[in-house]
PDB file of N, CA and C in Angstrom:
ATOM      1  N   MET A   1       3.423 -10.597 -25.742  1.00  0.00           N
ATOM      2  CA  MET A   1       2.098 -10.137 -25.372  1.00  0.00           C
ATOM      3  C   MET A   1       1.192 -11.350 -25.218  1.00  0.00           C
ATOM      4  N   ASP A   2       0.311 -11.256 -24.278  1.00  0.00           N
ATOM      5  CA  ASP A   2      -0.655 -12.313 -23.998  1.00  0.00           C
ATOM      6  C   ASP A   2      -1.978 -11.971 -24.675  1.00  0.00           C
ATOM      7  N   ALA A   3      -2.271 -12.662 -25.755  1.00  0.00           N
ATOM      8  CA  ALA A   3      -3.495 -12.380 -26.507  1.00  0.00           C
ATOM      9  C   ALA A   3      -4.752 -12.765 -25.729  1.00  0.00           C
ATOM     10  N   ASN A   4      -4.599 -13.568 -24.685  1.00  0.00           N
ATOM     11  CA  ASN A   4      -5.748 -14.021 -23.892  1.00  0.00           C
ATOM     12  C   ASN A   4      -5.871 -13.305 -22.554  1.00  0.00           C
ATOM     13  N   THR A   5      -5.222 -12.169 -22.416  1.00  0.00           N
ATOM     14  CA  THR A   5      -5.296 -11.426 -21.164  1.00  0.00           C
ATOM     15  C   THR A   5      -6.741 -11.028 -20.895  1.00  0.00           C
ATOM     16  N   PRO A   6      -7.230 -11.294 -19.695  1.00  0.00           N
ATOM     17  CA  PRO A   6      -8.606 -10.897 -19.378  1.00  0.00           C
ATOM     18  C   PRO A   6      -8.721  -9.375 -19.297  1.00  0.00           C
ATOM     19  N   ARG A   7      -9.947  -8.899 -19.397  1.00  0.00           N
ATOM     20  CA  ARG A   7     -10.199  -7.448 -19.330  1.00  0.00           C
ATOM     21  C   ARG A   7      -9.652  -6.855 -18.032  1.00  0.00           C
ATOM     22  N   PHE A   8      -9.838  -7.553 -16.938  1.00  0.00           N
ATOM     23  CA  PHE A   8      -9.336  -7.100 -15.646  1.00  0.00           C
ATOM     24  C   PHE A   8      -8.288  -8.093 -15.172  1.00  0.00           C
ATOM     25  N   LEU A   9      -7.039  -7.659 -15.156  1.00  0.00           N
ATOM     26  CA  LEU A   9      -5.928  -8.493 -14.724  1.00  0.00           C
ATOM     27  C   LEU A   9      -5.496  -7.993 -13.349  1.00  0.00           C
ATOM     28  N   ARG A  10      -5.663  -8.839 -12.352  1.00  0.00           N
ATOM     29  CA  ARG A  10      -5.377  -8.451 -10.966  1.00  0.00           C
ATOM     30  C   ARG A  10      -4.007  -8.987 -10.557  1.00  0.00           C
ATOM     31  N   ILE A  11      -3.027  -8.091 -10.549  1.00  0.00           N
ATOM     32  CA  ILE A  11      -1.651  -8.439 -10.189  1.00  0.00           C
ATOM     33  C   ILE A  11      -1.259  -7.580  -8.988  1.00  0.00           C
ATOM     34  N   ALA A  12      -0.671  -8.191  -7.994  1.00  0.00           N
ATOM     35  CA  ALA A  12      -0.188  -7.443  -6.830  1.00  0.00           C
ATOM     36  C   ALA A  12       1.092  -8.102  -6.338  1.00  0.00           C
ATOM     37  N   GLY A  13       2.002  -7.279  -5.897  1.00  0.00           N
ATOM     38  CA  GLY A  13       3.242  -7.786  -5.334  1.00  0.00           C
ATOM     39  C   GLY A  13       3.048  -8.199  -3.881  1.00  0.00           C
ATOM     40  N   ASP A  14       4.130  -8.270  -3.173  1.00  0.00           N
ATOM     41  CA  ASP A  14       4.123  -8.625  -1.763  1.00  0.00           C
ATOM     42  C   ASP A  14       3.150  -7.717  -1.003  1.00  0.00           C
ATOM     43  N   GLN A  15       2.408  -8.270  -0.051  1.00  0.00           N
ATOM     44  CA  GLN A  15       1.409  -7.496   0.675  1.00  0.00           C
ATOM     45  C   GLN A  15       1.567  -7.670   2.186  1.00  0.00           C
ATOM     46  N   PRO A  16       2.684  -7.224   2.735  1.00  0.00           N
ATOM     47  CA  PRO A  16       2.875  -7.384   4.185  1.00  0.00           C
ATOM     48  C   PRO A  16       2.005  -6.397   4.973  1.00  0.00           C
ATOM     49  N   SER A  17       1.673  -6.779   6.196  1.00  0.00           N
ATOM     50  CA  SER A  17       0.983  -5.860   7.097  1.00  0.00           C
ATOM     51  C   SER A  17       1.996  -4.828   7.589  1.00  0.00           C
ATOM     52  N   ALA A  18       1.532  -3.819   8.280  1.00  0.00           N
ATOM     53  CA  ALA A  18       2.437  -2.802   8.829  1.00  0.00           C
ATOM     54  C   ALA A  18       3.427  -3.436   9.803  1.00  0.00           C
ATOM     55  N   ARG A  19       2.944  -4.354  10.617  1.00  0.00           N
ATOM     56  CA  ARG A  19       3.839  -5.035  11.575  1.00  0.00           C
ATOM     57  C   ARG A  19       4.870  -5.901  10.850  1.00  0.00           C
ATOM     58  N   GLU A  20       4.425  -6.616   9.816  1.00  0.00           N
ATOM     59  CA  GLU A  20       5.355  -7.450   9.048  1.00  0.00           C
ATOM     60  C   GLU A  20       6.397  -6.589   8.334  1.00  0.00           C
ATOM     61  N   LEU A  21       5.970  -5.473   7.783  1.00  0.00           N
ATOM     62  CA  LEU A  21       6.900  -4.567   7.111  1.00  0.00           C
ATOM     63  C   LEU A  21       7.937  -4.029   8.094  1.00  0.00           C
ATOM     64  N   ALA A  22       7.500  -3.654   9.283  1.00  0.00           N
ATOM     65  CA  ALA A  22       8.422  -3.155  10.310  1.00  0.00           C
ATOM     66  C   ALA A  22       9.426  -4.239  10.697  1.00  0.00           C
ATOM     67  N   ALA A  23       8.953  -5.470  10.841  1.00  0.00           N
ATOM     68  CA  ALA A  23       9.843  -6.570  11.231  1.00  0.00           C
ATOM     69  C   ALA A  23      10.888  -6.840  10.144  1.00  0.00           C
ATOM     70  N   VAL A  24      10.462  -6.868   8.897  1.00  0.00           N
ATOM     71  CA  VAL A  24      11.397  -7.115   7.786  1.00  0.00           C
ATOM     72  C   VAL A  24      12.397  -5.969   7.680  1.00  0.00           C
ATOM     73  N   ALA A  25      11.924  -4.723   7.761  1.00  0.00           N
ATOM     74  CA  ALA A  25      12.825  -3.567   7.676  1.00  0.00           C
ATOM     75  C   ALA A  25      13.836  -3.583   8.821  1.00  0.00           C
ATOM     76  N   SER A  26      13.393  -3.952  10.013  1.00  0.00           N
ATOM     77  CA  SER A  26      14.300  -4.033  11.169  1.00  0.00           C
ATOM     78  C   SER A  26      15.372  -5.082  10.935  1.00  0.00           C
ATOM     79  N   GLU A  27      14.953  -6.229  10.462  1.00  0.00           N
ATOM     80  CA  GLU A  27      15.891  -7.329  10.228  1.00  0.00           C
ATOM     81  C   GLU A  27      16.904  -6.991   9.132  1.00  0.00           C
ATOM     82  N   VAL A  28      16.432  -6.419   8.042  1.00  0.00           N
ATOM     83  CA  VAL A  28      17.308  -6.145   6.895  1.00  0.00           C
ATOM     84  C   VAL A  28      18.266  -4.989   7.168  1.00  0.00           C
ATOM     85  N   THR A  29      17.789  -3.925   7.804  1.00  0.00           N
ATOM     86  CA  THR A  29      18.636  -2.741   8.000  1.00  0.00           C
ATOM     87  C   THR A  29      19.421  -2.746   9.297  1.00  0.00           C
ATOM     88  N   GLY A  30      18.953  -3.508  10.272  1.00  0.00           N
ATOM     89  CA  GLY A  30      19.600  -3.479  11.583  1.00  0.00           C
ATOM     90  C   GLY A  30      19.098  -2.340  12.451  1.00  0.00           C
ATOM     91  N   ASN A  31      18.195  -1.514  11.938  1.00  0.00           N
ATOM     92  CA  ASN A  31      17.564  -0.443  12.713  1.00  0.00           C
ATOM     93  C   ASN A  31      16.208  -0.933  13.194  1.00  0.00           C
ATOM     94  N   ARG A  32      15.763  -0.400  14.315  1.00  0.00           N
ATOM     95  CA  ARG A  32      14.475  -0.826  14.863  1.00  0.00           C
ATOM     96  C   ARG A  32      13.347  -0.007  14.238  1.00  0.00           C
ATOM     97  N   PHE A  33      12.393  -0.698  13.647  1.00  0.00           N
ATOM     98  CA  PHE A  33      11.187  -0.075  13.123  1.00  0.00           C
ATOM     99  C   PHE A  33       9.998  -0.696  13.822  1.00  0.00           C
ATOM    100  N   ARG A  34       8.992   0.109  14.086  1.00  0.00           N
ATOM    101  CA  ARG A  34       7.759  -0.415  14.667  1.00  0.00           C
ATOM    102  C   ARG A  34       6.611   0.483  14.228  1.00  0.00           C
ATOM    103  N   PRO A  35       5.435  -0.111  14.081  1.00  0.00           N
ATOM    104  CA  PRO A  35       4.291   0.712  13.695  1.00  0.00           C
ATOM    105  C   PRO A  35       3.937   1.685  14.816  1.00  0.00           C
ATOM    106  N   LEU A  36       3.438   2.813  14.443  1.00  0.00           N
ATOM    107  CA  LEU A  36       3.012   3.827  15.404  1.00  0.00           C
ATOM    108  C   LEU A  36       1.520   4.050  15.210  1.00  0.00           C
ATOM    109  N   TRP A  37       0.742   3.827  16.238  1.00  0.00           N
ATOM    110  CA  TRP A  37      -0.694   3.987  16.151  1.00  0.00           C
ATOM    111  C   TRP A  37      -1.018   5.475  16.064  1.00  0.00           C
ATOM    112  N   ALA A  38      -1.741   5.849  15.010  1.00  0.00           N
ATOM    113  CA  ALA A  38      -2.064   7.260  14.797  1.00  0.00           C
ATOM    114  C   ALA A  38      -3.570   7.499  14.836  1.00  0.00           C
ATOM    115  N   GLY A  39      -4.316   6.516  15.301  1.00  0.00           N
ATOM    116  CA  GLY A  39      -5.762   6.651  15.389  1.00  0.00           C
ATOM    117  C   GLY A  39      -6.453   5.523  14.651  1.00  0.00           C
ATOM    118  N   SER A  40      -7.762   5.479  14.780  1.00  0.00           N
ATOM    119  CA  SER A  40      -8.550   4.423  14.158  1.00  0.00           C
ATOM    120  C   SER A  40      -8.924   4.796  12.724  1.00  0.00           C
ATOM    121  N   LEU A  41      -9.424   3.817  11.989  1.00  0.00           N
ATOM    122  CA  LEU A  41      -9.899   4.083  10.629  1.00  0.00           C
ATOM    123  C   LEU A  41     -11.102   5.015  10.660  1.00  0.00           C
ATOM    124  N   GLY A  42     -11.950   4.883  11.688  1.00  0.00           N
ATOM    125  CA  GLY A  42     -13.088   5.785  11.841  1.00  0.00           C
ATOM    126  C   GLY A  42     -12.625   7.224  12.035  1.00  0.00           C
ATOM    127  N   MET A  43     -11.590   7.390  12.855  1.00  0.00           N
ATOM    128  CA  MET A  43     -11.030   8.723  13.093  1.00  0.00           C
ATOM    129  C   MET A  43     -10.456   9.303  11.800  1.00  0.00           C
ATOM    130  N   LEU A  44      -9.785   8.455  11.026  1.00  0.00           N
ATOM    131  CA  LEU A  44      -9.229   8.901   9.752  1.00  0.00           C
ATOM    132  C   LEU A  44     -10.353   9.315   8.801  1.00  0.00           C
ATOM    133  N   GLY A  45     -11.447   8.548   8.786  1.00  0.00           N
ATOM    134  CA  GLY A  45     -12.596   8.905   7.967  1.00  0.00           C
ATOM    135  C   GLY A  45     -13.167  10.262   8.345  1.00  0.00           C
ATOM    136  N   MET A  46     -13.229  10.539   9.642  1.00  0.00           N
ATOM    137  CA  MET A  46     -13.715  11.845  10.106  1.00  0.00           C
ATOM    138  C   MET A  46     -12.764  12.957   9.675  1.00  0.00           C
ATOM    139  N   MET A  47     -11.464  12.711   9.769  1.00  0.00           N
ATOM    140  CA  MET A  47     -10.482  13.715   9.363  1.00  0.00           C
ATOM    141  C   MET A  47     -10.606  14.019   7.866  1.00  0.00           C
ATOM    142  N   ILE A  48     -10.910  13.000   7.072  1.00  0.00           N
ATOM    143  CA  ILE A  48     -11.097  13.196   5.627  1.00  0.00           C
ATOM    144  C   ILE A  48     -12.308  14.098   5.386  1.00  0.00           C
ATOM    145  N   LYS A  49     -13.405  13.822   6.092  1.00  0.00           N
ATOM    146  CA  LYS A  49     -14.611  14.647   5.949  1.00  0.00           C
ATOM    147  C   LYS A  49     -14.336  16.096   6.332  1.00  0.00           C
ATOM    148  N   VAL A  50     -13.614  16.302   7.429  1.00  0.00           N
ATOM    149  CA  VAL A  50     -13.276  17.656   7.867  1.00  0.00           C
ATOM    150  C   VAL A  50     -12.403  18.348   6.824  1.00  0.00           C
ATOM    151  N   ALA A  51     -11.389  17.654   6.329  1.00  0.00           N
ATOM    152  CA  ALA A  51     -10.484  18.244   5.336  1.00  0.00           C
ATOM    153  C   ALA A  51     -11.243  18.614   4.064  1.00  0.00           C
ATOM    154  N   ARG A  52     -12.178  17.767   3.652  1.00  0.00           N
ATOM    155  CA  ARG A  52     -12.956  18.067   2.435  1.00  0.00           C
ATOM    156  C   ARG A  52     -13.898  19.246   2.660  1.00  0.00           C
ATOM    157  N   THR A  53     -14.373  19.402   3.907  1.00  0.00           N
ATOM    158  CA  THR A  53     -15.262  20.520   4.230  1.00  0.00           C
ATOM    159  C   THR A  53     -14.486  21.834   4.290  1.00  0.00           C
ATOM    160  N   ILE A  54     -13.325  21.784   4.921  1.00  0.00           N
ATOM    161  CA  ILE A  54     -12.505  22.989   5.099  1.00  0.00           C
ATOM    162  C   ILE A  54     -11.921  23.463   3.774  1.00  0.00           C
ATOM    163  N   ALA A  55     -11.561  22.516   2.903  1.00  0.00           N
ATOM    164  CA  ALA A  55     -10.940  22.866   1.621  1.00  0.00           C
ATOM    165  C   ALA A  55     -11.822  22.395   0.470  1.00  0.00           C
ATOM    166  N   PRO A  56     -13.016  22.986   0.311  1.00  0.00           N
ATOM    167  CA  PRO A  56     -13.918  22.513  -0.744  1.00  0.00           C
ATOM    168  C   PRO A  56     -13.350  22.686  -2.143  1.00  0.00           C
ATOM    169  N   GLY A  57     -12.481  23.659  -2.340  1.00  0.00           N
ATOM    170  CA  GLY A  57     -11.848  23.853  -3.645  1.00  0.00           C
ATOM    171  C   GLY A  57     -10.912  22.723  -3.994  1.00  0.00           C
ATOM    172  N   GLY A  58     -10.599  21.904  -2.997  1.00  0.00           N
ATOM    173  CA  GLY A  58      -9.699  20.779  -3.223  1.00  0.00           C
ATOM    174  C   GLY A  58     -10.222  19.792  -4.238  1.00  0.00           C
ATOM    175  N   GLU A  59     -11.513  19.775  -4.451  1.00  0.00           N
ATOM    176  CA  GLU A  59     -12.108  18.874  -5.434  1.00  0.00           C
ATOM    177  C   GLU A  59     -11.565  19.147  -6.834  1.00  0.00           C
ATOM    178  N   LYS A  60     -11.141  20.392  -7.099  1.00  0.00           N
ATOM    179  CA  LYS A  60     -10.659  20.769  -8.426  1.00  0.00           C
ATOM    180  C   LYS A  60      -9.147  20.623  -8.565  1.00  0.00           C
ATOM    181  N   GLU A  61      -8.463  20.385  -7.463  1.00  0.00           N
ATOM    182  CA  GLU A  61      -7.014  20.232  -7.498  1.00  0.00           C
ATOM    183  C   GLU A  61      -6.657  18.842  -8.020  1.00  0.00           C
ATOM    184  N   LEU A  62      -5.486  18.719  -8.597  1.00  0.00           N
ATOM    185  CA  LEU A  62      -5.032  17.424  -9.081  1.00  0.00           C
ATOM    186  C   LEU A  62      -4.892  16.448  -7.912  1.00  0.00           C
ATOM    187  N   TYR A  63      -4.262  16.905  -6.833  1.00  0.00           N
ATOM    188  CA  TYR A  63      -4.086  16.072  -5.642  1.00  0.00           C
ATOM    189  C   TYR A  63      -4.514  16.866  -4.411  1.00  0.00           C
ATOM    190  N   PRO A  64      -5.813  16.891  -4.107  1.00  0.00           N
ATOM    191  CA  PRO A  64      -6.250  17.626  -2.921  1.00  0.00           C
ATOM    192  C   PRO A  64      -5.649  17.020  -1.649  1.00  0.00           C
ATOM    193  N   ALA A  65      -5.528  17.818  -0.616  1.00  0.00           N
ATOM    194  CA  ALA A  65      -4.862  17.400   0.624  1.00  0.00           C
ATOM    195  C   ALA A  65      -5.473  16.139   1.231  1.00  0.00           C
ATOM    196  N   TRP A  66      -6.783  16.005   1.161  1.00  0.00           N
ATOM    197  CA  TRP A  66      -7.454  14.865   1.781  1.00  0.00           C
ATOM    198  C   TRP A  66      -7.274  13.569   0.989  1.00  0.00           C
ATOM    199  N   GLN A  67      -6.840  13.660  -0.250  1.00  0.00           N
ATOM    200  CA  GLN A  67      -6.760  12.466  -1.092  1.00  0.00           C
ATOM    201  C   GLN A  67      -5.764  11.440  -0.552  1.00  0.00           C
ATOM    202  N   GLY A  68      -4.649  11.915  -0.034  1.00  0.00           N
ATOM    203  CA  GLY A  68      -3.665  11.002   0.549  1.00  0.00           C
ATOM    204  C   GLY A  68      -4.226  10.269   1.746  1.00  0.00           C
ATOM    205  N   MET A  69      -5.003  10.982   2.562  1.00  0.00           N
ATOM    206  CA  MET A  69      -5.635  10.337   3.721  1.00  0.00           C
ATOM    207  C   MET A  69      -6.637   9.287   3.264  1.00  0.00           C
ATOM    208  N   GLN A  70      -7.395   9.604   2.231  1.00  0.00           N
ATOM    209  CA  GLN A  70      -8.399   8.671   1.715  1.00  0.00           C
ATOM    210  C   GLN A  70      -7.729   7.426   1.134  1.00  0.00           C
ATOM    211  N   TYR A  71      -6.632   7.631   0.420  1.00  0.00           N
ATOM    212  CA  TYR A  71      -5.871   6.508  -0.136  1.00  0.00           C
ATOM    213  C   TYR A  71      -5.392   5.597   0.991  1.00  0.00           C
ATOM    214  N   MET A  72      -4.827   6.187   2.039  1.00  0.00           N
ATOM    215  CA  MET A  72      -4.328   5.401   3.163  1.00  0.00           C
ATOM    216  C   MET A  72      -5.460   4.619   3.826  1.00  0.00           C
ATOM    217  N   ARG A  73      -6.600   5.280   4.039  1.00  0.00           N
ATOM    218  CA  ARG A  73      -7.742   4.597   4.652  1.00  0.00           C
ATOM    219  C   ARG A  73      -8.180   3.405   3.808  1.00  0.00           C
ATOM    220  N   ASN A  74      -8.282   3.621   2.508  1.00  0.00           N
ATOM    221  CA  ASN A  74      -8.729   2.543   1.628  1.00  0.00           C
ATOM    222  C   ASN A  74      -7.737   1.390   1.578  1.00  0.00           C
ATOM    223  N   MET A  75      -6.462   1.684   1.691  1.00  0.00           N
ATOM    224  CA  MET A  75      -5.454   0.621   1.721  1.00  0.00           C
ATOM    225  C   MET A  75      -5.520  -0.144   3.039  1.00  0.00           C
ATOM    226  N   LEU A  76      -5.695   0.565   4.138  1.00  0.00           N
ATOM    227  CA  LEU A  76      -5.687  -0.076   5.446  1.00  0.00           C
ATOM    228  C   LEU A  76      -6.954  -0.864   5.747  1.00  0.00           C
ATOM    229  N   ASP A  77      -8.097  -0.413   5.235  1.00  0.00           N
ATOM    230  CA  ASP A  77      -9.331  -1.137   5.565  1.00  0.00           C
ATOM    231  C   ASP A  77      -9.608  -2.287   4.604  1.00  0.00           C
ATOM    232  N   GLY A  78      -8.770  -2.463   3.585  1.00  0.00           N
ATOM    233  CA  GLY A  78      -8.871  -3.608   2.705  1.00  0.00           C
ATOM    234  C   GLY A  78      -9.725  -3.404   1.471  1.00  0.00           C
ATOM    235  N   ARG A  79     -10.406  -2.277   1.344  1.00  0.00           N
ATOM    236  CA  ARG A  79     -11.292  -2.109   0.179  1.00  0.00           C
ATOM    237  C   ARG A  79     -10.521  -1.995  -1.133  1.00  0.00           C
ATOM    238  N   ALA A  80      -9.213  -1.705  -1.069  1.00  0.00           N
ATOM    239  CA  ALA A  80      -8.423  -1.598  -2.297  1.00  0.00           C
ATOM    240  C   ALA A  80      -7.741  -2.917  -2.660  1.00  0.00           C
ATOM    241  N   LYS A  81      -7.927  -3.941  -1.828  1.00  0.00           N
ATOM    242  CA  LYS A  81      -7.262  -5.220  -2.066  1.00  0.00           C
ATOM    243  C   LYS A  81      -7.866  -5.934  -3.276  1.00  0.00           C
ATOM    244  N   LEU A  82      -6.996  -6.416  -4.139  1.00  0.00           N
ATOM    245  CA  LEU A  82      -7.432  -7.153  -5.324  1.00  0.00           C
ATOM    246  C   LEU A  82      -7.600  -8.628  -4.968  1.00  0.00           C
ATOM    247  N   GLU A  83      -8.756  -9.177  -5.273  1.00  0.00           N
ATOM    248  CA  GLU A  83      -8.992 -10.601  -5.039  1.00  0.00           C
ATOM    249  C   GLU A  83      -9.955 -11.124  -6.089  1.00  0.00           C
ATOM    250  N   PRO A  84      -9.728 -12.296  -6.600  1.00  0.00           N
ATOM    251  CA  PRO A  84      -8.515 -13.104  -6.455  1.00  0.00           C
ATOM    252  C   PRO A  84      -7.399 -12.541  -7.347  1.00  0.00           C
ATOM    253  N   LEU A  85      -6.186 -12.877  -6.987  1.00  0.00           N
ATOM    254  CA  LEU A  85      -5.043 -12.406  -7.769  1.00  0.00           C
ATOM    255  C   LEU A  85      -4.779 -13.323  -8.961  1.00  0.00           C
ATOM    256  N   ASP A  86      -4.254 -12.729 -10.008  1.00  0.00           N
ATOM    257  CA  ASP A  86      -3.899 -13.467 -11.221  1.00  0.00           C
ATOM    258  C   ASP A  86      -2.386 -13.642 -11.349  1.00  0.00           C
ATOM    259  N   ASN A  87      -1.660 -13.492 -10.262  1.00  0.00           N
ATOM    260  CA  ASN A  87      -0.191 -13.572 -10.310  1.00  0.00           C
ATOM    261  C   ASN A  87       0.304 -14.889 -10.904  1.00  0.00           C
ATOM    262  N   ASP A  88      -0.417 -15.974 -10.650  1.00  0.00           N
ATOM    263  CA  ASP A  88       0.048 -17.281 -11.128  1.00  0.00           C
ATOM    264  C   ASP A  88      -0.224 -17.493 -12.613  1.00  0.00           C
ATOM    265  N   ARG A  89      -0.839 -16.538 -13.248  1.00  0.00           N
ATOM    266  CA  ARG A  89      -1.109 -16.623 -14.695  1.00  0.00           C
ATOM    267  C   ARG A  89       0.197 -16.664 -15.494  1.00  0.00           C
ATOM    268  N   TYR A  90       1.241 -16.047 -14.950  1.00  0.00           N
ATOM    269  CA  TYR A  90       2.539 -15.980 -15.634  1.00  0.00           C
ATOM    270  C   TYR A  90       3.608 -16.613 -14.730  1.00  0.00           C
ATOM    271  N   PRO A  91       3.714 -17.939 -14.718  1.00  0.00           N
ATOM    272  CA  PRO A  91       4.613 -18.628 -13.792  1.00  0.00           C
ATOM    273  C   PRO A  91       6.088 -18.312 -13.993  1.00  0.00           C
ATOM    274  N   ALA A  92       6.467 -17.819 -15.149  1.00  0.00           N
ATOM    275  CA  ALA A  92       7.882 -17.504 -15.392  1.00  0.00           C
ATOM    276  C   ALA A  92       8.302 -16.188 -14.744  1.00  0.00           C
ATOM    277  N   ILE A  93       7.340 -15.408 -14.271  1.00  0.00           N
ATOM    278  CA  ILE A  93       7.654 -14.113 -13.660  1.00  0.00           C
ATOM    279  C   ILE A  93       7.855 -14.289 -12.162  1.00  0.00           C
ATOM    280  N   HIS A  94       8.972 -13.781 -11.666  1.00  0.00           N
ATOM    281  CA  HIS A  94       9.257 -13.798 -10.233  1.00  0.00           C
ATOM    282  C   HIS A  94       8.789 -12.468  -9.648  1.00  0.00           C
ATOM    283  N   TRP A  95       7.850 -12.516  -8.741  1.00  0.00           N
ATOM    284  CA  TRP A  95       7.334 -11.303  -8.103  1.00  0.00           C
ATOM    285  C   TRP A  95       8.256 -10.941  -6.947  1.00  0.00           C
ATOM    286  N   THR A  96       8.848  -9.774  -6.998  1.00  0.00           N
ATOM    287  CA  THR A  96       9.826  -9.324  -6.008  1.00  0.00           C
ATOM    288  C   THR A  96       9.150  -9.070  -4.668  1.00  0.00           C
ATOM    289  N   THR A  97       9.746  -9.582  -3.605  1.00  0.00           N
ATOM    290  CA  THR A  97       9.193  -9.389  -2.264  1.00  0.00           C
ATOM    291  C   THR A  97       9.735  -8.102  -1.643  1.00  0.00           C
ATOM    292  N   VAL A  98       9.071  -7.649  -0.610  1.00  0.00           N
ATOM    293  CA  VAL A  98       9.533  -6.477   0.137  1.00  0.00           C
ATOM    294  C   VAL A  98      10.926  -6.738   0.690  1.00  0.00           C
ATOM    295  N   ARG A  99      11.137  -7.933   1.214  1.00  0.00           N
ATOM    296  CA  ARG A  99      12.458  -8.296   1.767  1.00  0.00           C
ATOM    297  C   ARG A  99      13.543  -8.140   0.700  1.00  0.00           C
ATOM    298  N   GLU A 100      13.286  -8.618  -0.506  1.00  0.00           N
ATOM    299  CA  GLU A 100      14.269  -8.523  -1.585  1.00  0.00           C
ATOM    300  C   GLU A 100      14.567  -7.071  -1.942  1.00  0.00           C
ATOM    301  N   VAL A 101      13.541  -6.244  -2.012  1.00  0.00           N
ATOM    302  CA  VAL A 101      13.740  -4.825  -2.334  1.00  0.00           C
ATOM    303  C   VAL A 101      14.567  -4.149  -1.246  1.00  0.00           C
ATOM    304  N   LEU A 102      14.206  -4.383   0.013  1.00  0.00           N
ATOM    305  CA  LEU A 102      14.939  -3.754   1.114  1.00  0.00           C
ATOM    306  C   LEU A 102      16.377  -4.255   1.184  1.00  0.00           C
ATOM    307  N   LYS A 103      16.586  -5.534   0.974  1.00  0.00           N
ATOM    308  CA  LYS A 103      17.959  -6.069   0.984  1.00  0.00           C
ATOM    309  C   LYS A 103      18.787  -5.444  -0.126  1.00  0.00           C
ATOM    310  N   ARG A 104      18.194  -5.285  -1.287  1.00  0.00           N
ATOM    311  CA  ARG A 104      18.908  -4.706  -2.427  1.00  0.00           C
ATOM    312  C   ARG A 104      19.352  -3.280  -2.142  1.00  0.00           C
ATOM    313  N   HIS A 105      18.514  -2.520  -1.462  1.00  0.00           N
ATOM    314  CA  HIS A 105      18.786  -1.104  -1.278  1.00  0.00           C
ATOM    315  C   HIS A 105      19.381  -0.731   0.089  1.00  0.00           C
ATOM    316  N   PHE A 106      19.052  -1.510   1.102  1.00  0.00           N
ATOM    317  CA  PHE A 106      19.477  -1.114   2.447  1.00  0.00           C
ATOM    318  C   PHE A 106      20.185  -2.215   3.223  1.00  0.00           C
ATOM    319  N   GLY A 107      20.399  -3.355   2.610  1.00  0.00           N
ATOM    320  CA  GLY A 107      20.989  -4.481   3.314  1.00  0.00           C
ATOM    321  C   GLY A 107      22.382  -4.189   3.826  1.00  0.00           C
ATOM    322  N   ARG A 108      22.646  -4.760   4.966  1.00  0.00           N
ATOM    323  CA  ARG A 108      23.989  -4.626   5.517  1.00  0.00           C
ATOM    324  C   ARG A 108      24.911  -5.603   4.828  1.00  0.00           C
ATOM    325  N   PRO A 109      26.159  -5.218   4.613  1.00  0.00           N
ATOM    326  CA  PRO A 109      27.118  -6.143   3.948  1.00  0.00           C
ATOM    327  C   PRO A 109      27.415  -7.352   4.789  1.00  0.00           C
TER     328      PRO A 109
END
C-alpha cells in the first residue's frame, strides 16, 4: 500500500482513438475494422435530450436508456479524460496496451 497516495489518483490505460483502435484490431486479428460515422456529438446530445424527455421515469432506473449515450458522448468529446495522469507514480507497474490485450485474446498463431 502507498501511504502517500494522493486523494485523487488519476490512472488510465492505453487511450487509442477510434481509428487507432480499428487499425490495431485489424492488424492483430487479420479482419478489417474501420470506424463507422454515426452522427456528430451535437446530434448525440440531442438524442440524449429526446430520450430523457420520452422516458422521464428513466431517472429512477439504475441504468436508464439514455445513460449509455451520455457516457459515449462524454468519452468522445474528451470531458471524461483524466489529466494529468499519475501512471508514472508506480514505475514497476506495466500498463497493458490495447494491442497486448487483443493479441492475447484474438491474435493469430
